[in-house]
Amino acid sequence: GLSITREEAEADLIIEVDRKLFTSSFV
């Protein structure tokens, strides 16, 4: 029953993605 929202204020969870500088690693 999960869904994705485009409104951050409505979210129960936030998945935050970033890339480590000068690498192919994403955290």
mmCIF file of all heavy atoms, coordinates in Angstrom:
data_MODEL
# 
_entry.id   MODEL 
# 
loop_
_atom_site.group_PDB 
_atom_site.id 
_atom_site.type_symbol 
_atom_site.label_atom_id 
_atom_site.label_alt_id 
_atom_site.label_comp_id 
_atom_site.label_asym_id 
_atom_site.label_entity_id 
_atom_site.label_seq_id 
_atom_site.pdbx_PDB_ins_code 
_atom_site.Cartn_x 
_atom_site.Cartn_y 
_atom_site.Cartn_z 
_atom_site.occupancy 
_atom_site.B_iso_or_equiv 
_atom_site.pdbx_formal_charge 
_atom_site.auth_seq_id 
_atom_site.auth_comp_id 
_atom_site.auth_asym_id 
_atom_site.auth_atom_id 
_atom_site.pdbx_PDB_model_num 
ATOM 1   N N   . GLY A 1 1  ? 0.806  -1.222 0.000   1.00 0.00 ? 1  GLY A N   1 
ATOM 2   C CA  . GLY A 1 1  ? 0.000  0.000  0.000   1.00 0.00 ? 1  GLY A CA  1 
ATOM 3   C C   . GLY A 1 1  ? 0.837  1.270  0.000   1.00 0.00 ? 1  GLY A C   1 
ATOM 4   O O   . GLY A 1 1  ? 0.382  2.322  0.457   1.00 0.00 ? 1  GLY A O   1 
ATOM 5   N N   . LEU A 1 2  ? 2.057  1.196  -0.516  1.00 0.00 ? 2  LEU A N   1 
ATOM 6   C CA  . LEU A 1 2  ? 2.926  2.367  -0.557  1.00 0.00 ? 2  LEU A CA  1 
ATOM 7   C C   . LEU A 1 2  ? 2.627  3.204  -1.790  1.00 0.00 ? 2  LEU A C   1 
ATOM 8   O O   . LEU A 1 2  ? 2.198  2.685  -2.818  1.00 0.00 ? 2  LEU A O   1 
ATOM 9   C CB  . LEU A 1 2  ? 4.396  1.940  -0.564  1.00 0.00 ? 2  LEU A CB  1 
ATOM 10  C CG  . LEU A 1 2  ? 4.870  1.164  0.663   1.00 0.00 ? 2  LEU A CG  1 
ATOM 11  C CD1 . LEU A 1 2  ? 6.303  0.691  0.460   1.00 0.00 ? 2  LEU A CD1 1 
ATOM 12  C CD2 . LEU A 1 2  ? 4.761  2.018  1.903   1.00 0.00 ? 2  LEU A CD2 1 
ATOM 13  N N   . SER A 1 3  ? 2.870  4.497  -1.676  1.00 0.00 ? 3  SER A N   1 
ATOM 14  C CA  . SER A 1 3  ? 2.709  5.400  -2.806  1.00 0.00 ? 3  SER A CA  1 
ATOM 15  C C   . SER A 1 3  ? 3.816  6.439  -2.775  1.00 0.00 ? 3  SER A C   1 
ATOM 16  O O   . SER A 1 3  ? 4.494  6.612  -1.769  1.00 0.00 ? 3  SER A O   1 
ATOM 17  C CB  . SER A 1 3  ? 1.334  6.074  -2.773  1.00 0.00 ? 3  SER A CB  1 
ATOM 18  O OG  . SER A 1 3  ? 1.222  6.892  -1.626  1.00 0.00 ? 3  SER A OG  1 
ATOM 19  N N   . ILE A 1 4  ? 3.975  7.115  -3.894  1.00 0.00 ? 4  ILE A N   1 
ATOM 20  C CA  . ILE A 1 4  ? 4.989  8.154  -4.011  1.00 0.00 ? 4  ILE A CA  1 
ATOM 21  C C   . ILE A 1 4  ? 4.292  9.490  -4.159  1.00 0.00 ? 4  ILE A C   1 
ATOM 22  O O   . ILE A 1 4  ? 3.314  9.614  -4.896  1.00 0.00 ? 4  ILE A O   1 
ATOM 23  C CB  . ILE A 1 4  ? 5.910  7.881  -5.216  1.00 0.00 ? 4  ILE A CB  1 
ATOM 24  C CG1 . ILE A 1 4  ? 6.671  6.577  -4.964  1.00 0.00 ? 4  ILE A CG1 1 
ATOM 25  C CG2 . ILE A 1 4  ? 6.864  9.043  -5.456  1.00 0.00 ? 4  ILE A CG2 1 
ATOM 26  C CD1 . ILE A 1 4  ? 7.496  6.098  -6.118  1.00 0.00 ? 4  ILE A CD1 1 
ATOM 27  N N   . THR A 1 5  ? 4.782  10.468 -3.436  1.00 0.00 ? 5  THR A N   1 
ATOM 28  C CA  . THR A 1 5  ? 4.230  11.813 -3.509  1.00 0.00 ? 5  THR A CA  1 
ATOM 29  C C   . THR A 1 5  ? 5.270  12.776 -4.056  1.00 0.00 ? 5  THR A C   1 
ATOM 30  O O   . THR A 1 5  ? 6.468  12.560 -3.883  1.00 0.00 ? 5  THR A O   1 
ATOM 31  C CB  . THR A 1 5  ? 3.732  12.299 -2.130  1.00 0.00 ? 5  THR A CB  1 
ATOM 32  O OG1 . THR A 1 5  ? 3.175  13.608 -2.277  1.00 0.00 ? 5  THR A OG1 1 
ATOM 33  C CG2 . THR A 1 5  ? 4.841  12.328 -1.095  1.00 0.00 ? 5  THR A CG2 1 
ATOM 34  N N   . ARG A 1 6  ? 4.797  13.819 -4.694  1.00 0.00 ? 6  ARG A N   1 
ATOM 35  C CA  . ARG A 1 6  ? 5.684  14.876 -5.170  1.00 0.00 ? 6  ARG A CA  1 
ATOM 36  C C   . ARG A 1 6  ? 5.688  16.050 -4.190  1.00 0.00 ? 6  ARG A C   1 
ATOM 37  O O   . ARG A 1 6  ? 6.374  17.030 -4.397  1.00 0.00 ? 6  ARG A O   1 
ATOM 38  C CB  . ARG A 1 6  ? 5.251  15.356 -6.557  1.00 0.00 ? 6  ARG A CB  1 
ATOM 39  C CG  . ARG A 1 6  ? 5.408  14.307 -7.647  1.00 0.00 ? 6  ARG A CG  1 
ATOM 40  C CD  . ARG A 1 6  ? 6.844  14.239 -8.110  1.00 0.00 ? 6  ARG A CD  1 
ATOM 41  N NE  . ARG A 1 6  ? 7.093  13.188 -9.064  1.00 0.00 ? 6  ARG A NE  1 
ATOM 42  C CZ  . ARG A 1 6  ? 7.162  13.363 -10.374 1.00 0.00 ? 6  ARG A CZ  1 
ATOM 43  N NH1 . ARG A 1 6  ? 6.949  14.548 -10.886 1.00 0.00 ? 6  ARG A NH1 1 
ATOM 44  N NH2 . ARG A 1 6  ? 7.426  12.353 -11.151 1.00 0.00 ? 6  ARG A NH2 1 
ATOM 45  N N   . GLU A 1 7  ? 4.911  15.926 -3.109  1.00 0.00 ? 7  GLU A N   1 
ATOM 46  C CA  . GLU A 1 7  ? 4.853  16.957 -2.062  1.00 0.00 ? 7  GLU A CA  1 
ATOM 47  C C   . GLU A 1 7  ? 5.603  16.454 -0.834  1.00 0.00 ? 7  GLU A C   1 
ATOM 48  O O   . GLU A 1 7  ? 5.135  15.547 -0.147  1.00 0.00 ? 7  GLU A O   1 
ATOM 49  C CB  . GLU A 1 7  ? 3.396  17.277 -1.687  1.00 0.00 ? 7  GLU A CB  1 
ATOM 50  C CG  . GLU A 1 7  ? 2.602  17.928 -2.794  1.00 0.00 ? 7  GLU A CG  1 
ATOM 51  C CD  . GLU A 1 7  ? 3.110  19.320 -3.119  1.00 0.00 ? 7  GLU A CD  1 
ATOM 52  O OE1 . GLU A 1 7  ? 3.593  20.023 -2.212  1.00 0.00 ? 7  GLU A OE1 1 
ATOM 53  O OE2 . GLU A 1 7  ? 3.023  19.707 -4.292  1.00 0.00 ? 7  GLU A OE2 1 
ATOM 54  N N   . GLU A 1 8  ? 6.742  17.031 -0.571  1.00 0.00 ? 8  GLU A N   1 
ATOM 55  C CA  . GLU A 1 8  ? 7.574  16.586 0.544   1.00 0.00 ? 8  GLU A CA  1 
ATOM 56  C C   . GLU A 1 8  ? 6.820  16.633 1.874   1.00 0.00 ? 8  GLU A C   1 
ATOM 57  O O   . GLU A 1 8  ? 6.994  15.760 2.720   1.00 0.00 ? 8  GLU A O   1 
ATOM 58  C CB  . GLU A 1 8  ? 8.843  17.443 0.617   1.00 0.00 ? 8  GLU A CB  1 
ATOM 59  C CG  . GLU A 1 8  ? 9.840  16.948 1.617   1.00 0.00 ? 8  GLU A CG  1 
ATOM 60  C CD  . GLU A 1 8  ? 11.185 17.642 1.524   1.00 0.00 ? 8  GLU A CD  1 
ATOM 61  O OE1 . GLU A 1 8  ? 11.527 18.180 0.457   1.00 0.00 ? 8  GLU A OE1 1 
ATOM 62  O OE2 . GLU A 1 8  ? 11.905 17.628 2.540   1.00 0.00 ? 8  GLU A OE2 1 
ATOM 63  N N   . ALA A 1 9  ? 5.974  17.636 2.071   1.00 0.00 ? 9  ALA A N   1 
ATOM 64  C CA  . ALA A 1 9  ? 5.240  17.789 3.336   1.00 0.00 ? 9  ALA A CA  1 
ATOM 65  C C   . ALA A 1 9  ? 4.253  16.654 3.586   1.00 0.00 ? 9  ALA A C   1 
ATOM 66  O O   . ALA A 1 9  ? 3.863  16.412 4.727   1.00 0.00 ? 9  ALA A O   1 
ATOM 67  C CB  . ALA A 1 9  ? 4.505  19.125 3.345   1.00 0.00 ? 9  ALA A CB  1 
ATOM 68  N N   . GLU A 1 10 ? 3.860  15.926 2.550   1.00 0.00 ? 10 GLU A N   1 
ATOM 69  C CA  . GLU A 1 10 ? 2.907  14.819 2.691   1.00 0.00 ? 10 GLU A CA  1 
ATOM 70  C C   . GLU A 1 10 ? 3.579  13.478 2.971   1.00 0.00 ? 10 GLU A C   1 
ATOM 71  O O   . GLU A 1 10 ? 2.907  12.489 3.240   1.00 0.00 ? 10 GLU A O   1 
ATOM 72  C CB  . GLU A 1 10 ? 2.084  14.680 1.403   1.00 0.00 ? 10 GLU A CB  1 
ATOM 73  C CG  . GLU A 1 10 ? 1.188  15.850 1.107   1.00 0.00 ? 10 GLU A CG  1 
ATOM 74  C CD  . GLU A 1 10 ? 0.485  15.692 -0.241  1.00 0.00 ? 10 GLU A CD  1 
ATOM 75  O OE1 . GLU A 1 10 ? 0.658  14.648 -0.907  1.00 0.00 ? 10 GLU A OE1 1 
ATOM 76  O OE2 . GLU A 1 10 ? -0.241 16.621 -0.604  1.00 0.00 ? 10 GLU A OE2 1 
ATOM 77  N N   . ALA A 1 11 ? 4.895  13.428 2.911   1.00 0.00 ? 11 ALA A N   1 
ATOM 78  C CA  . ALA A 1 11 ? 5.621  12.160 2.959   1.00 0.00 ? 11 ALA A CA  1 
ATOM 79  C C   . ALA A 1 11 ? 5.787  11.620 4.377   1.00 0.00 ? 11 ALA A C   1 
ATOM 80  O O   . ALA A 1 11 ? 6.047  12.366 5.317   1.00 0.00 ? 11 ALA A O   1 
ATOM 81  C CB  . ALA A 1 11 ? 6.991  12.327 2.323   1.00 0.00 ? 11 ALA A CB  1 
ATOM 82  N N   . ASP A 1 12 ? 5.667  10.296 4.489   1.00 0.00 ? 12 ASP A N   1 
ATOM 83  C CA  . ASP A 1 12 ? 5.996  9.588  5.730   1.00 0.00 ? 12 ASP A CA  1 
ATOM 84  C C   . ASP A 1 12 ? 7.488  9.257  5.756   1.00 0.00 ? 12 ASP A C   1 
ATOM 85  O O   . ASP A 1 12 ? 8.065  9.096  6.829   1.00 0.00 ? 12 ASP A O   1 
ATOM 86  C CB  . ASP A 1 12 ? 5.201  8.287  5.838   1.00 0.00 ? 12 ASP A CB  1 
ATOM 87  C CG  . ASP A 1 12 ? 3.706  8.526  5.895   1.00 0.00 ? 12 ASP A CG  1 
ATOM 88  O OD1 . ASP A 1 12 ? 3.283  9.492  6.556   1.00 0.00 ? 12 ASP A OD1 1 
ATOM 89  O OD2 . ASP A 1 12 ? 2.959  7.742  5.269   1.00 0.00 ? 12 ASP A OD2 1 
ATOM 90  N N   . LEU A 1 13 ? 8.077  9.114  4.570   1.00 0.00 ? 13 LEU A N   1 
ATOM 91  C CA  . LEU A 1 13 ? 9.509  8.844  4.431   1.00 0.00 ? 13 LEU A CA  1 
ATOM 92  C C   . LEU A 1 13 ? 10.064 9.675  3.285   1.00 0.00 ? 13 LEU A C   1 
ATOM 93  O O   . LEU A 1 13 ? 9.364  9.929  2.307   1.00 0.00 ? 13 LEU A O   1 
ATOM 94  C CB  . LEU A 1 13 ? 9.761  7.365  4.087   1.00 0.00 ? 13 LEU A CB  1 
ATOM 95  C CG  . LEU A 1 13 ? 9.421  6.307  5.108   1.00 0.00 ? 13 LEU A CG  1 
ATOM 96  C CD1 . LEU A 1 13 ? 9.661  4.916  4.516   1.00 0.00 ? 13 LEU A CD1 1 
ATOM 97  C CD2 . LEU A 1 13 ? 10.242 6.484  6.372   1.00 0.00 ? 13 LEU A CD2 1 
ATOM 98  N N   . ILE A 1 14 ? 11.320 10.064 3.417   1.00 0.00 ? 14 ILE A N   1 
ATOM 99  C CA  . ILE A 1 14 ? 12.031 10.737 2.334   1.00 0.00 ? 14 ILE A CA  1 
ATOM 100 C C   . ILE A 1 14 ? 13.245 9.880  1.994   1.00 0.00 ? 14 ILE A C   1 
ATOM 101 O O   . ILE A 1 14 ? 14.022 9.530  2.882   1.00 0.00 ? 14 ILE A O   1 
ATOM 102 C CB  . ILE A 1 14 ? 12.487 12.151 2.751   1.00 0.00 ? 14 ILE A CB  1 
ATOM 103 C CG1 . ILE A 1 14 ? 11.280 13.026 3.035   1.00 0.00 ? 14 ILE A CG1 1 
ATOM 104 C CG2 . ILE A 1 14 ? 13.377 12.763 1.664   1.00 0.00 ? 14 ILE A CG2 1 
ATOM 105 C CD1 . ILE A 1 14 ? 11.635 14.380 3.638   1.00 0.00 ? 14 ILE A CD1 1 
ATOM 106 N N   . ILE A 1 15 ? 13.367 9.527  0.714   1.00 0.00 ? 15 ILE A N   1 
ATOM 107 C CA  . ILE A 1 15 ? 14.579 8.849  0.262   1.00 0.00 ? 15 ILE A CA  1 
ATOM 108 C C   . ILE A 1 15 ? 15.447 9.930  -0.375  1.00 0.00 ? 15 ILE A C   1 
ATOM 109 O O   . ILE A 1 15 ? 15.067 10.526 -1.378  1.00 0.00 ? 15 ILE A O   1 
ATOM 110 C CB  . ILE A 1 15 ? 14.279 7.726  -0.748  1.00 0.00 ? 15 ILE A CB  1 
ATOM 111 C CG1 . ILE A 1 15 ? 13.379 6.659  -0.120  1.00 0.00 ? 15 ILE A CG1 1 
ATOM 112 C CG2 . ILE A 1 15 ? 15.590 7.098  -1.247  1.00 0.00 ? 15 ILE A CG2 1 
ATOM 113 C CD1 . ILE A 1 15 ? 12.963 5.550  -1.083  1.00 0.00 ? 15 ILE A CD1 1 
ATOM 114 N N   . GLU A 1 16 ? 16.594 10.169 0.230   1.00 0.00 ? 16 GLU A N   1 
ATOM 115 C CA  . GLU A 1 16 ? 17.503 11.213 -0.232  1.00 0.00 ? 16 GLU A CA  1 
ATOM 116 C C   . GLU A 1 16 ? 18.732 10.553 -0.863  1.00 0.00 ? 16 GLU A C   1 
ATOM 117 O O   . GLU A 1 16 ? 19.360 9.707  -0.240  1.00 0.00 ? 16 GLU A O   1 
ATOM 118 C CB  . GLU A 1 16 ? 17.909 12.093 0.947   1.00 0.00 ? 16 GLU A CB  1 
ATOM 119 C CG  . GLU A 1 16 ? 18.766 13.273 0.578   1.00 0.00 ? 16 GLU A CG  1 
ATOM 120 C CD  . GLU A 1 16 ? 19.037 14.147 1.782   1.00 0.00 ? 16 GLU A CD  1 
ATOM 121 O OE1 . GLU A 1 16 ? 19.927 13.793 2.575   1.00 0.00 ? 16 GLU A OE1 1 
ATOM 122 O OE2 . GLU A 1 16 ? 18.339 15.157 1.943   1.00 0.00 ? 16 GLU A OE2 1 
ATOM 123 N N   . VAL A 1 17 ? 19.040 10.947 -2.099  1.00 0.00 ? 17 VAL A N   1 
ATOM 124 C CA  . VAL A 1 17 ? 20.137 10.337 -2.841  1.00 0.00 ? 17 VAL A CA  1 
ATOM 125 C C   . VAL A 1 17 ? 21.192 11.389 -3.150  1.00 0.00 ? 17 VAL A C   1 
ATOM 126 O O   . VAL A 1 17 ? 20.868 12.511 -3.546  1.00 0.00 ? 17 VAL A O   1 
ATOM 127 C CB  . VAL A 1 17 ? 19.622 9.707  -4.157  1.00 0.00 ? 17 VAL A CB  1 
ATOM 128 C CG1 . VAL A 1 17 ? 20.764 9.053  -4.927  1.00 0.00 ? 17 VAL A CG1 1 
ATOM 129 C CG2 . VAL A 1 17 ? 18.515 8.710  -3.884  1.00 0.00 ? 17 VAL A CG2 1 
ATOM 130 N N   . ASP A 1 18 ? 22.448 11.019 -2.982  1.00 0.00 ? 18 ASP A N   1 
ATOM 131 C CA  . ASP A 1 18 ? 23.561 11.906 -3.290  1.00 0.00 ? 18 ASP A CA  1 
ATOM 132 C C   . ASP A 1 18 ? 24.682 11.073 -3.908  1.00 0.00 ? 18 ASP A C   1 
ATOM 133 O O   . ASP A 1 18 ? 24.746 9.859  -3.716  1.00 0.00 ? 18 ASP A O   1 
ATOM 134 C CB  . ASP A 1 18 ? 24.062 12.606 -2.034  1.00 0.00 ? 18 ASP A CB  1 
ATOM 135 C CG  . ASP A 1 18 ? 24.800 13.896 -2.333  1.00 0.00 ? 18 ASP A CG  1 
ATOM 136 O OD1 . ASP A 1 18 ? 25.007 14.225 -3.518  1.00 0.00 ? 18 ASP A OD1 1 
ATOM 137 O OD2 . ASP A 1 18 ? 25.176 14.585 -1.370  1.00 0.00 ? 18 ASP A OD2 1 
ATOM 138 N N   . ARG A 1 19 ? 25.547 11.731 -4.651  1.00 0.00 ? 19 ARG A N   1 
ATOM 139 C CA  . ARG A 1 19 ? 26.688 11.048 -5.263  1.00 0.00 ? 19 ARG A CA  1 
ATOM 140 C C   . ARG A 1 19 ? 27.962 11.562 -4.617  1.00 0.00 ? 19 ARG A C   1 
ATOM 141 O O   . ARG A 1 19 ? 28.139 12.764 -4.456  1.00 0.00 ? 19 ARG A O   1 
ATOM 142 C CB  . ARG A 1 19 ? 26.731 11.339 -6.761  1.00 0.00 ? 19 ARG A CB  1 
ATOM 143 C CG  . ARG A 1 19 ? 27.894 10.680 -7.466  1.00 0.00 ? 19 ARG A CG  1 
ATOM 144 C CD  . ARG A 1 19 ? 27.792 10.914 -8.973  1.00 0.00 ? 19 ARG A CD  1 
ATOM 145 N NE  . ARG A 1 19 ? 28.999 10.503 -9.630  1.00 0.00 ? 19 ARG A NE  1 
ATOM 146 C CZ  . ARG A 1 19 ? 29.856 11.324 -10.214 1.00 0.00 ? 19 ARG A CZ  1 
ATOM 147 N NH1 . ARG A 1 19 ? 29.629 12.618 -10.231 1.00 0.00 ? 19 ARG A NH1 1 
ATOM 148 N NH2 . ARG A 1 19 ? 30.935 10.861 -10.793 1.00 0.00 ? 19 ARG A NH2 1 
ATOM 149 N N   . LYS A 1 20 ? 28.815 10.635 -4.246  1.00 0.00 ? 20 LYS A N   1 
ATOM 150 C CA  . LYS A 1 20 ? 30.106 11.025 -3.674  1.00 0.00 ? 20 LYS A CA  1 
ATOM 151 C C   . LYS A 1 20 ? 30.948 11.631 -4.786  1.00 0.00 ? 20 LYS A C   1 
ATOM 152 O O   . LYS A 1 20 ? 31.052 11.073 -5.872  1.00 0.00 ? 20 LYS A O   1 
ATOM 153 C CB  . LYS A 1 20 ? 30.800 9.829  -3.041  1.00 0.00 ? 20 LYS A CB  1 
ATOM 154 C CG  . LYS A 1 20 ? 30.019 9.283  -1.853  1.00 0.00 ? 20 LYS A CG  1 
ATOM 155 C CD  . LYS A 1 20 ? 30.741 8.166  -1.198  1.00 0.00 ? 20 LYS A CD  1 
ATOM 156 C CE  . LYS A 1 20 ? 31.613 8.795  -0.139  1.00 0.00 ? 20 LYS A CE  1 
ATOM 157 N NZ  . LYS A 1 20 ? 32.329 7.829  0.676   1.00 0.00 ? 20 LYS A NZ  1 
ATOM 158 N N   . LEU A 1 21 ? 31.547 12.767 -4.511  1.00 0.00 ? 21 LEU A N   1 
ATOM 159 C CA  . LEU A 1 21 ? 32.312 13.531 -5.479  1.00 0.00 ? 21 LEU A CA  1 
ATOM 160 C C   . LEU A 1 21 ? 33.444 12.706 -6.106  1.00 0.00 ? 21 LEU A C   1 
ATOM 161 O O   . LEU A 1 21 ? 34.176 12.008 -5.395  1.00 0.00 ? 21 LEU A O   1 
ATOM 162 C CB  . LEU A 1 21 ? 32.883 14.772 -4.786  1.00 0.00 ? 21 LEU A CB  1 
ATOM 163 C CG  . LEU A 1 21 ? 33.341 15.913 -5.682  1.00 0.00 ? 21 LEU A CG  1 
ATOM 164 C CD1 . LEU A 1 21 ? 32.218 16.400 -6.579  1.00 0.00 ? 21 LEU A CD1 1 
ATOM 165 C CD2 . LEU A 1 21 ? 33.847 17.061 -4.833  1.00 0.00 ? 21 LEU A CD2 1 
ATOM 166 N N   . PHE A 1 22 ? 33.545 12.772 -7.413  1.00 0.00 ? 22 PHE A N   1 
ATOM 167 C CA  . PHE A 1 22 ? 34.605 12.114 -8.192  1.00 0.00 ? 22 PHE A CA  1 
ATOM 168 C C   . PHE A 1 22 ? 34.602 10.593 -8.069  1.00 0.00 ? 22 PHE A C   1 
ATOM 169 O O   . PHE A 1 22 ? 35.643 9.946  -8.186  1.00 0.00 ? 22 PHE A O   1 
ATOM 170 C CB  . PHE A 1 22 ? 35.996 12.658 -7.814  1.00 0.00 ? 22 PHE A CB  1 
ATOM 171 C CG  . PHE A 1 22 ? 36.112 14.142 -7.975  1.00 0.00 ? 22 PHE A CG  1 
ATOM 172 C CD1 . PHE A 1 22 ? 36.396 14.933 -6.865  1.00 0.00 ? 22 PHE A CD1 1 
ATOM 173 C CD2 . PHE A 1 22 ? 35.930 14.760 -9.199  1.00 0.00 ? 22 PHE A CD2 1 
ATOM 174 C CE1 . PHE A 1 22 ? 36.502 16.307 -6.988  1.00 0.00 ? 22 PHE A CE1 1 
ATOM 175 C CE2 . PHE A 1 22 ? 36.030 16.132 -9.327  1.00 0.00 ? 22 PHE A CE2 1 
ATOM 176 C CZ  . PHE A 1 22 ? 36.322 16.912 -8.235  1.00 0.00 ? 22 PHE A CZ  1 
ATOM 177 N N   . THR A 1 23 ? 33.437 10.010 -7.795  1.00 0.00 ? 23 THR A N   1 
ATOM 178 C CA  . THR A 1 23 ? 33.332 8.554  -7.706  1.00 0.00 ? 23 THR A CA  1 
ATOM 179 C C   . THR A 1 23 ? 32.091 8.092  -8.451  1.00 0.00 ? 23 THR A C   1 
ATOM 180 O O   . THR A 1 23 ? 31.297 8.900  -8.932  1.00 0.00 ? 23 THR A O   1 
ATOM 181 C CB  . THR A 1 23 ? 33.209 8.069  -6.238  1.00 0.00 ? 23 THR A CB  1 
ATOM 182 O OG1 . THR A 1 23 ? 31.921 8.433  -5.735  1.00 0.00 ? 23 THR A OG1 1 
ATOM 183 C CG2 . THR A 1 23 ? 34.292 8.640  -5.355  1.00 0.00 ? 23 THR A CG2 1 
ATOM 184 N N   . SER A 1 24 ? 31.917 6.790  -8.515  1.00 0.00 ? 24 SER A N   1 
ATOM 185 C CA  . SER A 1 24 ? 30.686 6.223  -9.065  1.00 0.00 ? 24 SER A CA  1 
ATOM 186 C C   . SER A 1 24 ? 29.793 5.709  -7.935  1.00 0.00 ? 24 SER A C   1 
ATOM 187 O O   . SER A 1 24 ? 28.867 4.949  -8.168  1.00 0.00 ? 24 SER A O   1 
ATOM 188 C CB  . SER A 1 24 ? 31.020 5.104  -10.051 1.00 0.00 ? 24 SER A CB  1 
ATOM 189 O OG  . SER A 1 24 ? 31.794 4.112  -9.410  1.00 0.00 ? 24 SER A OG  1 
ATOM 190 N N   . SER A 1 25 ? 30.080 6.133  -6.708  1.00 0.00 ? 25 SER A N   1 
ATOM 191 C CA  . SER A 1 25 ? 29.308 5.708  -5.531  1.00 0.00 ? 25 SER A CA  1 
ATOM 192 C C   . SER A 1 25 ? 28.187 6.702  -5.225  1.00 0.00 ? 25 SER A C   1 
ATOM 193 O O   . SER A 1 25 ? 28.408 7.910  -5.199  1.00 0.00 ? 25 SER A O   1 
ATOM 194 C CB  . SER A 1 25 ? 30.211 5.604  -4.307  1.00 0.00 ? 25 SER A CB  1 
ATOM 195 O OG  . SER A 1 25 ? 31.083 4.533  -4.433  1.00 0.00 ? 25 SER A OG  1 
ATOM 196 N N   . PHE A 1 26 ? 27.019 6.154  -4.981  1.00 0.00 ? 26 PHE A N   1 
ATOM 197 C CA  . PHE A 1 26 ? 25.868 6.945  -4.583  1.00 0.00 ? 26 PHE A CA  1 
ATOM 198 C C   . PHE A 1 26 ? 25.467 6.500  -3.183  1.00 0.00 ? 26 PHE A C   1 
ATOM 199 O O   . PHE A 1 26 ? 25.446 5.302  -2.892  1.00 0.00 ? 26 PHE A O   1 
ATOM 200 C CB  . PHE A 1 26 ? 24.696 6.720  -5.540  1.00 0.00 ? 26 PHE A CB  1 
ATOM 201 C CG  . PHE A 1 26 ? 24.889 7.348  -6.892  1.00 0.00 ? 26 PHE A CG  1 
ATOM 202 C CD1 . PHE A 1 26 ? 25.722 6.769  -7.828  1.00 0.00 ? 26 PHE A CD1 1 
ATOM 203 C CD2 . PHE A 1 26 ? 24.231 8.529  -7.226  1.00 0.00 ? 26 PHE A CD2 1 
ATOM 204 C CE1 . PHE A 1 26 ? 25.902 7.339  -9.081  1.00 0.00 ? 26 PHE A CE1 1 
ATOM 205 C CE2 . PHE A 1 26 ? 24.394 9.106  -8.469  1.00 0.00 ? 26 PHE A CE2 1 
ATOM 206 C CZ  . PHE A 1 26 ? 25.241 8.516  -9.401  1.00 0.00 ? 26 PHE A CZ  1 
ATOM 207 N N   . VAL A 1 27 ? 25.171 7.444  -2.323  1.00 0.00 ? 27 VAL A N   1 
ATOM 208 C CA  . VAL A 1 27 ? 24.690 7.135  -0.983  1.00 0.00 ? 27 VAL A CA  1 
ATOM 209 C C   . VAL A 1 27 ? 23.227 7.554  -0.901  1.00 0.00 ? 27 VAL A C   1 
ATOM 210 O O   . VAL A 1 27 ? 22.813 8.515  -1.551  1.00 0.00 ? 27 VAL A O   1 
ATOM 211 C CB  . VAL A 1 27 ? 25.523 7.831  0.116   1.00 0.00 ? 27 VAL A CB  1 
ATOM 212 C CG1 . VAL A 1 27 ? 26.923 7.271  0.167   1.00 0.00 ? 27 VAL A CG1 1 
ATOM 213 C CG2 . VAL A 1 27 ? 25.554 9.326  -0.087  1.00 0.00 ? 27 VAL A CG2 1 
# 
